[in-house]
């Protein structure tokens, strides 16, 4: 009986994990092998290929590596990046928006099977009646990733509400639920549903119900009280970038303040690790439960069975044929997300491993190769 008790205790220990610093060997990780991931990013920044990078690795609730490299901007007088360096993480924002909507599902205020037009009556015409809330979060809605007039709107400094209005009318690319197409505009409408139901802005809802309970104190959708110069600047979009000179590029106050729910979140490696650990814990962290275990299971398992594009609710999955941003060595149960700004965050329930890599270099520069290589070094450091 006693052995059964301790067996059950060991099985539930990961659900109680809180992130604390510790030695790699204590959680089955080789310090020497993990050092290779550290050295890789250090070399990339020292030799000028990356301006800024931050890496956090944790296993079984133990942070075994947390280090930042480089400076906040290309300016030689710019502050050195610390462990608390704040990055705009681009599409890693999407699963956080999904968390907000799933909280309303848990409250019974919305169902994933609801037609979107039930909550957004403006979203009508053609096959829009077939679009379900679930489709917005699993990239099966038929909506485009970006609006055809995306550049035009950004040049005009259009407010987020104008993006919403245009999304109500933009043509669907295919019949809803029949195919997979990564789509930021679906996430935009998911955010609009949250705001309609709660009567709160999405930044405020996330602050109250996600960031504050989890003590993700450096996280905000949009800029909040931050200044652009206090955050990591994206490479190749400084004063030499015509989009920034025109006032609508990735480092501009307009774009950073917009709080776009598909890519406007500012955060740190530590805060993202806390969010991932919350999912590994079944929805709670440090005694604060934000989601039920049932919701966590739904968000981290394939919702697109029968569609060529495995995806969870908000989270990308390692098993997706088109999703290779987590590296080559992770297990099929791994979930996470990457961002076009040069970021990736993932967790593997099988090994209880968390990896967050945030950089200043847009992923398109090398098709995410650096993120995959560092991820591979992290996974290879696990020995038992």
Protein backbone atom coordinates (compact mmCIF):
# COMPACT_ATOMS: atom_id res chain seq x y z
CA UNK A 1 0.00 0.00 0.00
CA UNK A 2 2.84 2.33 0.89
CA UNK A 3 4.58 1.66 -2.44
CA UNK A 4 1.32 2.41 -4.26
CA UNK A 5 1.05 5.74 -2.41
CA UNK A 6 4.55 6.79 -3.40
CA UNK A 7 3.98 5.65 -6.95
CA UNK A 8 0.92 7.88 -7.18
CA UNK A 9 2.85 10.72 -5.57
CA UNK A 10 5.59 10.47 -8.18
CA UNK A 11 3.00 10.47 -10.95
CA UNK A 12 1.43 13.68 -9.65
CA UNK A 13 4.66 15.54 -8.81
CA UNK A 14 4.96 17.19 -12.24
CA UNK A 15 1.50 18.67 -11.74
CA UNK A 16 2.81 20.54 -8.69
CA UNK A 17 5.94 21.93 -10.35
CA UNK A 18 6.91 25.57 -9.90
CA UNK A 19 9.89 26.99 -11.72
CA UNK A 20 12.97 27.35 -9.54
CA UNK A 21 16.69 27.41 -10.40
CA UNK A 22 18.65 24.20 -10.00
CA UNK A 23 21.48 22.08 -11.35
CA UNK A 24 21.03 20.34 -14.71
CA UNK A 25 22.23 16.94 -13.45
CA UNK A 26 19.56 16.97 -10.74
CA UNK A 27 16.91 16.65 -13.47
CA UNK A 28 18.78 14.35 -15.83
CA UNK A 29 20.42 16.98 -18.06
CA UNK A 30 24.08 17.08 -19.01
CA UNK A 31 25.65 20.44 -18.12
CA UNK A 32 28.30 19.99 -20.78
CA UNK A 33 25.76 19.32 -23.54
CA UNK A 34 23.48 22.14 -22.41
CA UNK A 35 26.46 24.49 -22.50
CA UNK A 36 26.55 23.94 -26.26
CA UNK A 37 23.19 25.71 -26.60
CA UNK A 38 24.49 28.58 -24.49
CA UNK A 39 27.70 28.82 -26.50
CA UNK A 40 25.84 28.71 -29.83
CA UNK A 41 23.79 31.82 -29.00
CA UNK A 42 26.76 33.53 -27.39
CA UNK A 43 28.80 33.06 -30.57
CA UNK A 44 25.97 34.25 -32.81
CA UNK A 45 25.63 37.49 -30.83
CA UNK A 46 29.37 38.05 -30.36
CA UNK A 47 29.96 37.72 -34.10
CA UNK A 48 27.09 40.08 -34.90
CA UNK A 49 24.70 37.70 -36.63
CA UNK A 50 22.19 38.21 -33.83
CA UNK A 51 21.80 41.46 -31.96
CA UNK A 52 19.90 40.04 -28.96
CA UNK A 53 18.95 36.60 -27.68
CA UNK A 54 17.52 35.10 -24.52
CA UNK A 55 17.31 31.41 -23.64
CA UNK A 56 15.51 29.59 -20.82
CA UNK A 57 15.55 25.82 -20.37
CA UNK A 58 13.68 24.03 -17.60
CA UNK A 59 12.86 20.44 -16.75
CA UNK A 60 10.54 19.03 -14.08
CA UNK A 61 10.05 22.53 -12.74
CA UNK A 62 13.78 23.27 -12.47
CA UNK A 63 15.33 26.11 -14.47
CA UNK A 64 18.70 24.77 -15.59
CA UNK A 65 19.71 27.57 -17.96
CA UNK A 66 18.55 31.19 -18.14
CA UNK A 67 20.78 33.61 -19.98
CA UNK A 68 20.55 36.61 -22.30
CA UNK A 69 23.08 37.83 -24.86
CA UNK A 70 23.77 41.05 -26.73
CA UNK A 71 22.16 44.48 -26.40
CA UNK A 72 18.60 45.80 -26.69
CA UNK A 73 19.32 47.50 -30.00
CA UNK A 74 22.03 47.90 -32.63
CA UNK A 75 23.17 51.13 -30.94
CA UNK A 76 26.50 50.47 -29.22
CA UNK A 77 25.31 52.61 -26.31
CA UNK A 78 22.21 50.45 -25.89
CA UNK A 79 21.84 48.62 -22.55
CA UNK A 80 23.10 45.06 -22.30
CA UNK A 81 20.24 42.55 -22.43
CA UNK A 82 19.46 41.00 -19.05
CA UNK A 83 17.48 37.86 -18.19
CA UNK A 84 14.43 40.13 -17.94
CA UNK A 85 14.78 41.54 -21.46
CA UNK A 86 11.36 42.19 -22.98
CA UNK A 87 10.71 41.03 -26.56
CA UNK A 88 7.75 41.45 -28.86
CA UNK A 89 7.14 37.75 -29.45
CA UNK A 90 4.92 37.99 -32.56
CA UNK A 91 2.74 34.90 -33.07
CA UNK A 92 3.48 33.38 -29.66
CA UNK A 93 0.71 35.86 -28.82
CA UNK A 94 -1.85 33.57 -30.50
CA UNK A 95 -2.08 30.80 -27.87
CA UNK A 96 -2.47 33.45 -25.16
CA UNK A 97 -5.47 34.86 -27.04
CA UNK A 98 -6.77 31.30 -27.24
CA UNK A 99 -6.40 30.91 -23.47
CA UNK A 100 -8.59 33.99 -22.98
CA UNK A 101 -11.34 32.59 -25.17
CA UNK A 102 -11.14 29.12 -23.58
CA UNK A 103 -11.74 30.72 -20.20
CA UNK A 104 -15.12 31.82 -21.56
CA UNK A 105 -15.76 28.29 -22.82
CA UNK A 106 -15.18 27.05 -19.27
CA UNK A 107 -17.67 29.65 -17.99
CA UNK A 108 -20.32 28.48 -20.43
CA UNK A 109 -20.40 31.85 -22.18
CA UNK A 110 -19.32 30.49 -25.56
CA UNK A 111 -18.93 27.04 -27.15
CA UNK A 112 -16.33 26.04 -29.69
CA UNK A 113 -19.15 24.70 -31.88
CA UNK A 114 -20.95 28.07 -31.91
CA UNK A 115 -21.23 29.81 -35.29
CA UNK A 116 -19.00 32.89 -35.18
CA UNK A 117 -21.94 35.01 -36.40
CA UNK A 118 -23.79 34.15 -33.16
CA UNK A 119 -21.29 36.35 -31.31
CA UNK A 120 -20.31 38.67 -34.16
CA UNK A 121 -23.50 39.38 -36.16
CA UNK A 122 -21.51 41.51 -38.62
CA UNK A 123 -19.73 38.36 -39.82
CA UNK A 124 -22.33 37.27 -42.37
CA UNK A 125 -22.67 36.36 -46.02
CA UNK A 126 -21.53 33.51 -48.22
CA UNK A 127 -20.16 30.58 -46.26
CA UNK A 128 -19.37 32.65 -43.18
CA UNK A 129 -22.33 30.99 -41.45
CA UNK A 130 -20.31 27.76 -41.52
CA UNK A 131 -17.37 29.21 -39.60
CA UNK A 132 -17.33 27.93 -36.02
CA UNK A 133 -15.45 29.45 -33.09
CA UNK A 134 -13.22 26.38 -33.10
CA UNK A 135 -12.14 27.19 -36.68
CA UNK A 136 -10.77 30.57 -35.58
CA UNK A 137 -8.38 28.87 -33.16
CA UNK A 138 -7.35 25.89 -35.31
CA UNK A 139 -6.70 27.73 -38.60
CA UNK A 140 -9.56 26.07 -40.46
CA UNK A 141 -11.85 29.09 -40.88
CA UNK A 142 -10.96 29.93 -44.47
CA UNK A 143 -9.90 33.43 -43.42
CA UNK A 144 -6.54 34.72 -44.72
CA UNK A 145 -3.45 35.05 -42.58
CA UNK A 146 -3.27 38.77 -43.34
CA UNK A 147 -5.81 40.98 -45.07
CA UNK A 148 -5.08 41.84 -48.72
CA UNK A 149 -4.99 45.48 -47.62
CA UNK A 150 -2.72 44.83 -44.60
CA UNK A 151 0.09 47.10 -45.85
CA UNK A 152 -2.35 49.86 -46.80
CA UNK A 153 -3.91 49.78 -43.33
CA UNK A 154 -0.58 49.84 -41.54
CA UNK A 155 0.70 52.73 -43.65
CA UNK A 156 -2.45 54.67 -42.69
CA UNK A 157 -1.95 53.81 -38.99
CA UNK A 158 -5.40 52.23 -39.00
CA UNK A 159 -6.73 51.22 -35.58
CA UNK A 160 -7.29 47.57 -34.71
CA UNK A 161 -11.05 48.11 -35.08
CA UNK A 162 -10.53 48.76 -38.80
CA UNK A 163 -8.74 45.44 -39.19
CA UNK A 164 -11.73 43.80 -37.51
CA UNK A 165 -14.21 45.57 -39.77
CA UNK A 166 -12.32 44.52 -42.91
CA UNK A 167 -12.08 40.93 -41.67
CA UNK A 168 -15.87 40.70 -41.47
CA UNK A 169 -16.00 41.19 -45.25
CA UNK A 170 -12.77 39.70 -46.59
CA UNK A 171 -13.34 36.71 -48.93
CA UNK A 172 -12.88 33.23 -47.48
CA UNK A 173 -10.13 31.21 -49.13
CA UNK A 174 -11.95 27.88 -48.83
CA UNK A 175 -15.06 26.29 -47.33
CA UNK A 176 -14.75 26.47 -43.51
CA UNK A 177 -13.57 23.31 -41.78
CA UNK A 178 -12.34 21.62 -44.96
CA UNK A 179 -8.68 22.69 -44.99
CA UNK A 180 -5.88 24.18 -42.91
CA UNK A 181 -4.46 27.64 -43.61
CA UNK A 182 -2.53 29.52 -40.93
CA UNK A 183 -4.60 32.63 -40.31
CA UNK A 184 -3.96 35.58 -38.03
CA UNK A 185 -7.34 37.11 -38.89
CA UNK A 186 -9.16 34.17 -37.31
CA UNK A 187 -7.32 34.91 -34.06
CA UNK A 188 -8.36 38.56 -34.45
CA UNK A 189 -12.04 37.56 -34.49
CA UNK A 190 -11.53 35.22 -31.52
CA UNK A 191 -10.23 38.25 -29.60
CA UNK A 192 -13.22 40.29 -30.70
CA UNK A 193 -15.54 37.63 -29.24
CA UNK A 194 -13.71 37.85 -25.90
CA UNK A 195 -14.16 41.62 -25.83
CA UNK A 196 -17.84 41.46 -26.81
CA UNK A 197 -18.68 38.95 -24.09
CA UNK A 198 -16.56 40.32 -21.24
CA UNK A 199 -16.95 44.05 -22.02
CA UNK A 200 -13.21 44.37 -21.38
CA UNK A 201 -10.39 45.09 -23.79
CA UNK A 202 -8.34 41.97 -24.47
CA UNK A 203 -5.19 43.52 -22.90
CA UNK A 204 -7.14 44.19 -19.71
CA UNK A 205 -8.80 40.76 -19.66
CA UNK A 206 -5.43 39.04 -20.09
CA UNK A 207 -3.88 41.22 -17.39
CA UNK A 208 -6.60 40.36 -14.89
CA UNK A 209 -7.16 36.70 -15.66
CA UNK A 210 -3.85 35.36 -17.05
CA UNK A 211 -0.84 37.54 -16.32
CA UNK A 212 -1.69 38.66 -12.77
CA UNK A 213 -2.68 35.21 -11.41
CA UNK A 214 0.43 33.61 -12.92
CA UNK A 215 2.65 36.52 -11.85
CA UNK A 216 3.72 37.07 -15.46
CA UNK A 217 4.57 40.58 -14.40
CA UNK A 218 6.58 41.51 -17.49
CA UNK A 219 3.86 40.47 -19.94
CA UNK A 220 1.44 42.79 -21.70
CA UNK A 221 -0.59 42.76 -24.91
CA UNK A 222 0.57 45.92 -26.64
CA UNK A 223 3.06 48.20 -24.91
CA UNK A 224 1.16 49.06 -21.74
CA UNK A 225 3.47 51.18 -19.60
CA UNK A 226 6.56 50.13 -21.56
CA UNK A 227 8.50 52.35 -23.94
CA UNK A 228 9.73 50.94 -27.24
CA UNK A 229 13.32 51.82 -26.31
CA UNK A 230 13.04 49.69 -23.16
CA UNK A 231 12.34 46.59 -25.24
CA UNK A 232 14.44 44.54 -27.63
CA UNK A 233 14.49 46.07 -31.09
CA UNK A 234 14.01 43.82 -34.10
CA UNK A 235 17.00 43.60 -36.42
CA UNK A 236 16.95 44.97 -39.96
CA UNK A 237 14.05 47.24 -39.08
CA UNK A 238 15.92 50.12 -37.50
CA UNK A 239 16.49 53.55 -39.02
CA UNK A 240 17.59 51.89 -42.26
CA UNK A 241 14.21 50.20 -42.75
CA UNK A 242 11.83 52.27 -44.92
CA UNK A 243 8.81 50.82 -43.14
CA UNK A 244 10.07 52.13 -39.81
CA UNK A 245 10.96 55.49 -41.35
CA UNK A 246 7.38 55.62 -42.64
CA UNK A 247 6.13 54.88 -39.14
CA UNK A 248 4.56 51.44 -39.53
CA UNK A 249 7.36 48.88 -39.16
CA UNK A 250 8.06 46.36 -36.42
CA UNK A 251 9.89 48.78 -34.13
CA UNK A 252 7.46 51.68 -34.42
CA UNK A 253 5.29 52.90 -31.59
CA UNK A 254 2.21 52.46 -33.77
CA UNK A 255 2.79 48.75 -34.30
CA UNK A 256 4.03 48.03 -30.78
CA UNK A 257 1.06 49.80 -29.15
CA UNK A 258 -1.63 48.30 -31.34
CA UNK A 259 -2.10 45.21 -29.12
CA UNK A 260 -2.93 43.04 -32.11
CA UNK A 261 -4.05 39.69 -30.68
CA UNK A 262 -2.21 37.67 -33.30
CA UNK A 263 1.26 39.10 -32.63
CA UNK A 264 1.41 42.12 -30.31
CA UNK A 265 2.40 40.61 -26.97
CA UNK A 266 5.53 41.77 -25.13
CA UNK A 267 7.04 39.34 -22.64
CA UNK A 268 10.17 37.59 -21.36
CA UNK A 269 11.62 34.09 -21.44
CA UNK A 270 10.69 33.60 -17.79
CA UNK A 271 7.04 34.59 -18.23
CA UNK A 272 6.61 32.31 -21.23
CA UNK A 273 8.20 29.45 -19.29
CA UNK A 274 5.63 30.01 -16.52
CA UNK A 275 2.80 29.79 -19.07
CA UNK A 276 4.20 26.56 -20.51
CA UNK A 277 4.70 25.11 -17.02
CA UNK A 278 1.08 25.98 -16.25
CA UNK A 279 0.05 23.74 -19.14
CA UNK A 280 2.38 20.96 -18.03
CA UNK A 281 0.78 21.30 -14.58
CA UNK A 282 -2.68 20.76 -16.02
CA UNK A 283 -3.75 24.42 -15.86
CA UNK A 284 -2.42 25.71 -12.55
CA UNK A 285 0.73 27.35 -11.24
CA UNK A 286 1.78 28.22 -7.70
CA UNK A 287 -1.68 27.43 -6.38
CA UNK A 288 -3.49 29.51 -9.02
CA UNK A 289 -5.65 27.58 -11.48
CA UNK A 290 -6.48 29.42 -14.69
CA UNK A 291 -7.68 26.44 -16.77
CA UNK A 292 -9.12 23.00 -16.12
CA UNK A 293 -7.16 19.84 -17.03
CA UNK A 294 -9.84 19.11 -19.66
CA UNK A 295 -9.18 22.45 -21.36
CA UNK A 296 -5.41 21.88 -21.27
CA UNK A 297 -5.90 18.48 -22.94
CA UNK A 298 -8.08 20.01 -25.65
CA UNK A 299 -5.64 22.84 -26.33
CA UNK A 300 -2.62 20.54 -26.65
CA UNK A 301 -4.11 17.72 -28.76
CA UNK A 302 -4.97 17.65 -32.45
CA UNK A 303 -8.31 19.29 -33.21
CA UNK A 304 -7.98 18.93 -36.99
CA UNK A 305 -8.45 15.19 -37.46
CA UNK A 306 -9.31 14.63 -41.10
CA UNK A 307 -7.72 17.91 -42.17
CA UNK A 308 -4.13 18.05 -43.42
CA UNK A 309 -2.81 20.30 -40.68
CA UNK A 310 -2.61 19.00 -37.10
CA UNK A 311 -3.17 21.79 -34.58
CA UNK A 312 -4.33 22.22 -31.02
CA UNK A 313 -6.47 25.10 -29.80
CA UNK A 314 -4.09 28.03 -30.17
CA UNK A 315 -0.99 25.86 -29.78
CA UNK A 316 1.02 24.40 -32.65
CA UNK A 317 1.83 20.69 -32.38
CA UNK A 318 5.02 18.83 -33.23
CA UNK A 319 3.01 16.23 -35.14
CA UNK A 320 1.94 18.76 -37.77
CA UNK A 321 3.62 18.04 -41.10
CA UNK A 322 4.14 21.74 -41.70
CA UNK A 323 5.34 22.60 -38.20
CA UNK A 324 9.10 22.20 -37.87
CA UNK A 325 10.00 25.15 -35.65
CA UNK A 326 10.62 23.04 -32.51
CA UNK A 327 13.59 21.16 -33.96
CA UNK A 328 14.05 17.54 -34.96
CA UNK A 329 14.39 15.67 -31.67
CA UNK A 330 11.27 16.55 -29.66
CA UNK A 331 8.52 14.01 -28.97
CA UNK A 332 5.24 13.95 -30.88
CA UNK A 333 3.44 15.31 -27.79
CA UNK A 334 5.32 18.62 -27.87
CA UNK A 335 3.25 21.80 -28.17
CA UNK A 336 4.23 25.44 -28.48
CA UNK A 337 4.45 28.30 -30.93
CA UNK A 338 6.96 30.36 -32.86
CA UNK A 339 6.95 34.01 -33.90
CA UNK A 340 8.08 35.80 -37.05
CA UNK A 341 10.16 38.17 -34.92
CA UNK A 342 12.59 35.30 -34.27
CA UNK A 343 11.06 33.52 -31.30
CA UNK A 344 9.93 30.05 -30.25
CA UNK A 345 8.55 28.55 -27.03
CA UNK A 346 7.70 24.87 -26.57
CA UNK A 347 7.07 22.23 -23.93
CA UNK A 348 7.30 18.44 -24.12
CA UNK A 349 4.93 16.67 -21.70
CA UNK A 350 6.78 13.40 -22.29
CA UNK A 351 10.11 14.66 -20.95
CA UNK A 352 8.72 17.58 -18.90
CA UNK A 353 11.12 19.82 -20.81
CA UNK A 354 10.55 23.52 -21.54
CA UNK A 355 12.53 25.62 -23.99
CA UNK A 356 12.06 29.33 -24.73
CA UNK A 357 14.30 31.04 -27.29
CA UNK A 358 13.71 34.72 -28.00
CA UNK A 359 15.87 36.62 -30.50
CA UNK A 360 15.89 39.94 -32.31
CA UNK A 361 16.44 38.44 -35.77
CA UNK A 362 13.28 37.75 -37.79
CA UNK A 363 12.80 34.03 -38.40
CA UNK A 364 12.50 34.62 -42.16
CA UNK A 365 16.20 35.54 -42.22
CA UNK A 366 17.11 31.83 -42.08
CA UNK A 367 13.68 30.16 -42.15
CA UNK A 368 13.96 29.55 -38.39
CA UNK A 369 17.13 27.47 -38.74
CA UNK A 370 18.79 28.97 -35.67
CA UNK A 371 15.75 28.28 -33.50
CA UNK A 372 15.67 24.64 -34.63
CA UNK A 373 19.38 24.14 -34.04
CA UNK A 374 19.28 25.55 -30.52
CA UNK A 375 16.19 23.45 -29.78
CA UNK A 376 18.05 20.34 -30.95
CA UNK A 377 20.99 21.14 -28.64
CA UNK A 378 18.58 21.55 -25.72
CA UNK A 379 16.78 18.25 -26.34
CA UNK A 380 20.06 16.38 -26.86
CA UNK A 381 21.24 17.49 -23.41
CA UNK A 382 18.59 15.30 -21.74
CA UNK A 383 20.20 12.02 -20.70
CA UNK A 384 17.55 10.27 -18.57
